[in-house]
Amino acid sequence: MGKFHLYLVRSMRLCIIFLSLAIMVLRCFAADPKPMLVKEALQRHLLLYAIRPEYPFDKWHHVVTGTGIFELRFDYETGHLREIHIVKSTGSPMLDRATIDSLKHWKAKPRALNAVLVPVEFTGMRAWSRVEFTATRAPST
């Protein structure tokens, strides 16, 4: 009986170690999921406030164009914006700044969204995001 008892203890120890590692791995994946495309987030009404990036009108005489992709990371519990990353620059620091100035006001529904990808295209003096921005509203205080 002593040998059998020792075998059970060792196998249980291995099982506990394996389960602990599995839980740690799963938590890593859950904490940092793939970003959702902004079009899907708007369709699912996960964004409470989303301002369309605007061309900086004080720079209208420069007529700079560019296409970029920005990643927004939200605090999952509160929906407040934590970080903005430039995945692909528009090619113009002026347009990147104008985009970030708009994106920094975005807010997601609490416990609904971790990250979103926002494609932006500036053509002439207009900014497009290739998505419809009619589903947004001002944040409540």
Protein backbone atom coordinates (compact mmCIF):
# COMPACT_ATOMS: atom_id res chain seq x y z
CA MET A 1 0.00 0.00 0.00
CA GLY A 2 2.90 2.39 0.62
CA LYS A 3 4.08 2.21 -3.00
CA PHE A 4 0.57 2.78 -4.34
CA HIS A 5 0.08 5.78 -2.02
CA LEU A 6 3.40 7.29 -3.15
CA TYR A 7 2.41 6.83 -6.79
CA LEU A 8 -0.90 8.66 -6.22
CA VAL A 9 0.83 11.57 -4.51
CA ARG A 10 3.35 11.97 -7.35
CA SER A 11 0.68 11.78 -10.06
CA MET A 12 -1.50 14.27 -8.20
CA ARG A 13 1.46 16.63 -7.88
CA LEU A 14 2.09 16.39 -11.63
CA CYS A 15 -1.59 16.96 -12.32
CA ILE A 16 -1.62 20.09 -10.16
CA ILE A 17 1.50 21.44 -11.86
CA PHE A 18 0.03 20.75 -15.31
CA LEU A 19 -3.28 22.42 -14.41
CA SER A 20 -1.48 25.45 -12.99
CA LEU A 21 0.55 25.87 -16.16
CA ALA A 22 -2.55 25.45 -18.32
CA ILE A 23 -4.39 28.13 -16.34
CA MET A 24 -1.45 30.53 -16.64
CA VAL A 25 -1.28 30.01 -20.41
CA LEU A 26 -5.03 30.52 -20.81
CA ARG A 27 -4.94 33.71 -18.75
CA CYS A 28 -2.20 35.10 -20.99
CA PHE A 29 -4.35 34.53 -24.06
CA ALA A 30 -7.44 35.97 -22.40
CA ALA A 31 -5.62 39.09 -21.24
CA ASP A 32 -4.41 40.07 -24.71
CA PRO A 33 -6.85 38.98 -27.43
CA LYS A 34 -6.61 40.00 -31.06
CA PRO A 35 -7.88 43.53 -31.66
CA MET A 36 -11.35 43.82 -33.14
CA LEU A 37 -11.87 45.86 -36.31
CA VAL A 38 -13.61 49.17 -35.61
CA LYS A 39 -16.39 48.36 -38.08
CA GLU A 40 -17.37 45.28 -36.04
CA ALA A 41 -17.10 47.19 -32.74
CA LEU A 42 -19.47 49.86 -34.08
CA GLN A 43 -21.91 47.30 -35.49
CA ARG A 44 -22.02 45.53 -32.13
CA HIS A 45 -22.40 48.91 -30.31
CA LEU A 46 -19.29 48.32 -28.19
CA LEU A 47 -18.00 51.88 -28.52
CA LEU A 48 -19.75 54.53 -26.44
CA TYR A 49 -17.85 57.44 -27.96
CA ALA A 50 -15.89 57.50 -31.21
CA ILE A 51 -14.92 60.76 -32.91
CA ARG A 52 -14.10 60.58 -36.61
CA PRO A 53 -10.52 61.73 -37.23
CA GLU A 54 -10.55 65.12 -38.98
CA TYR A 55 -8.07 66.75 -41.34
CA PRO A 56 -6.29 69.58 -39.49
CA PHE A 57 -8.02 72.55 -41.14
CA ASP A 58 -5.31 74.99 -40.07
CA LYS A 59 -3.01 73.01 -42.40
CA TRP A 60 -5.39 72.95 -45.38
CA HIS A 61 -2.84 74.62 -47.65
CA HIS A 62 -0.48 71.60 -47.30
CA VAL A 63 -3.00 69.05 -48.67
CA VAL A 64 -1.17 66.01 -47.35
CA THR A 65 -2.66 62.57 -47.94
CA GLY A 66 -2.01 59.25 -46.23
CA THR A 67 -3.41 55.96 -45.02
CA GLY A 68 -2.71 54.49 -41.60
CA ILE A 69 -3.85 51.97 -39.02
CA PHE A 70 -4.12 52.75 -35.32
CA GLU A 71 -4.65 50.29 -32.46
CA LEU A 72 -6.57 51.44 -29.41
CA ARG A 73 -6.33 49.49 -26.15
CA PHE A 74 -9.04 49.94 -23.54
CA ASP A 75 -9.23 49.11 -19.86
CA TYR A 76 -11.56 46.11 -19.98
CA GLU A 77 -13.29 46.86 -16.66
CA THR A 78 -14.02 50.57 -17.24
CA GLY A 79 -13.88 51.00 -21.03
CA HIS A 80 -11.48 53.95 -20.70
CA LEU A 81 -8.79 54.29 -23.33
CA ARG A 82 -5.37 53.19 -22.05
CA GLU A 83 -3.08 53.27 -25.09
CA ILE A 84 -2.93 54.25 -28.74
CA HIS A 85 -0.41 52.50 -30.98
CA ILE A 86 0.43 53.44 -34.55
CA VAL A 87 0.39 50.10 -36.38
CA LYS A 88 0.98 51.81 -39.74
CA SER A 89 1.71 55.52 -39.94
CA THR A 90 -0.15 57.74 -42.39
CA GLY A 91 3.28 58.83 -43.58
CA SER A 92 2.77 62.31 -42.16
CA PRO A 93 3.46 63.26 -38.53
CA MET A 94 0.83 66.01 -38.90
CA LEU A 95 -1.87 63.49 -39.92
CA ASP A 96 -0.77 61.00 -37.25
CA ARG A 97 -1.10 63.73 -34.59
CA ALA A 98 -4.53 64.79 -35.89
CA THR A 99 -5.70 61.17 -35.81
CA ILE A 100 -4.40 60.58 -32.28
CA ASP A 101 -6.03 63.85 -31.13
CA SER A 102 -9.39 62.42 -32.22
CA LEU A 103 -8.82 58.85 -31.07
CA LYS A 104 -7.74 59.81 -27.54
CA HIS A 105 -11.37 60.70 -26.73
CA TRP A 106 -12.77 57.26 -27.61
CA LYS A 107 -14.50 55.19 -24.94
CA ALA A 108 -15.72 51.60 -25.02
CA LYS A 109 -18.50 49.92 -23.09
CA PRO A 110 -17.20 48.53 -19.80
CA ARG A 111 -16.36 44.81 -19.91
CA ALA A 112 -16.93 44.67 -23.66
CA LEU A 113 -13.72 45.45 -25.53
CA ASN A 114 -9.97 45.16 -25.04
CA ALA A 115 -8.57 46.50 -28.31
CA VAL A 116 -9.75 47.85 -31.65
CA LEU A 117 -8.00 48.52 -34.98
CA VAL A 118 -8.92 51.78 -36.71
CA PRO A 119 -7.92 52.20 -40.38
CA VAL A 120 -7.79 55.87 -41.43
CA GLU A 121 -7.39 57.40 -44.86
CA PHE A 122 -6.78 61.10 -45.49
CA THR A 123 -7.56 62.16 -49.05
CA GLY A 124 -7.28 65.84 -49.82
CA MET A 125 -8.82 67.73 -46.95
CA ARG A 126 -11.07 64.90 -45.73
CA ALA A 127 -10.45 62.04 -43.37
CA TRP A 128 -12.11 58.69 -43.89
CA SER A 129 -12.11 55.71 -41.68
CA ARG A 130 -13.85 53.37 -44.12
CA VAL A 131 -16.59 52.88 -41.53
CA GLU A 132 -19.84 54.60 -40.66
CA PHE A 133 -19.53 56.66 -37.45
CA THR A 134 -23.22 57.36 -36.85
CA ALA A 135 -23.52 55.01 -33.84
CA THR A 136 -21.52 57.17 -31.44
CA ARG A 137 -22.58 59.54 -28.72
CA ALA A 138 -21.02 61.81 -26.14
CA PRO A 139 -19.67 60.10 -23.01
CA SER A 140 -21.78 60.38 -19.89
CA THR A 141 -20.15 61.87 -16.83
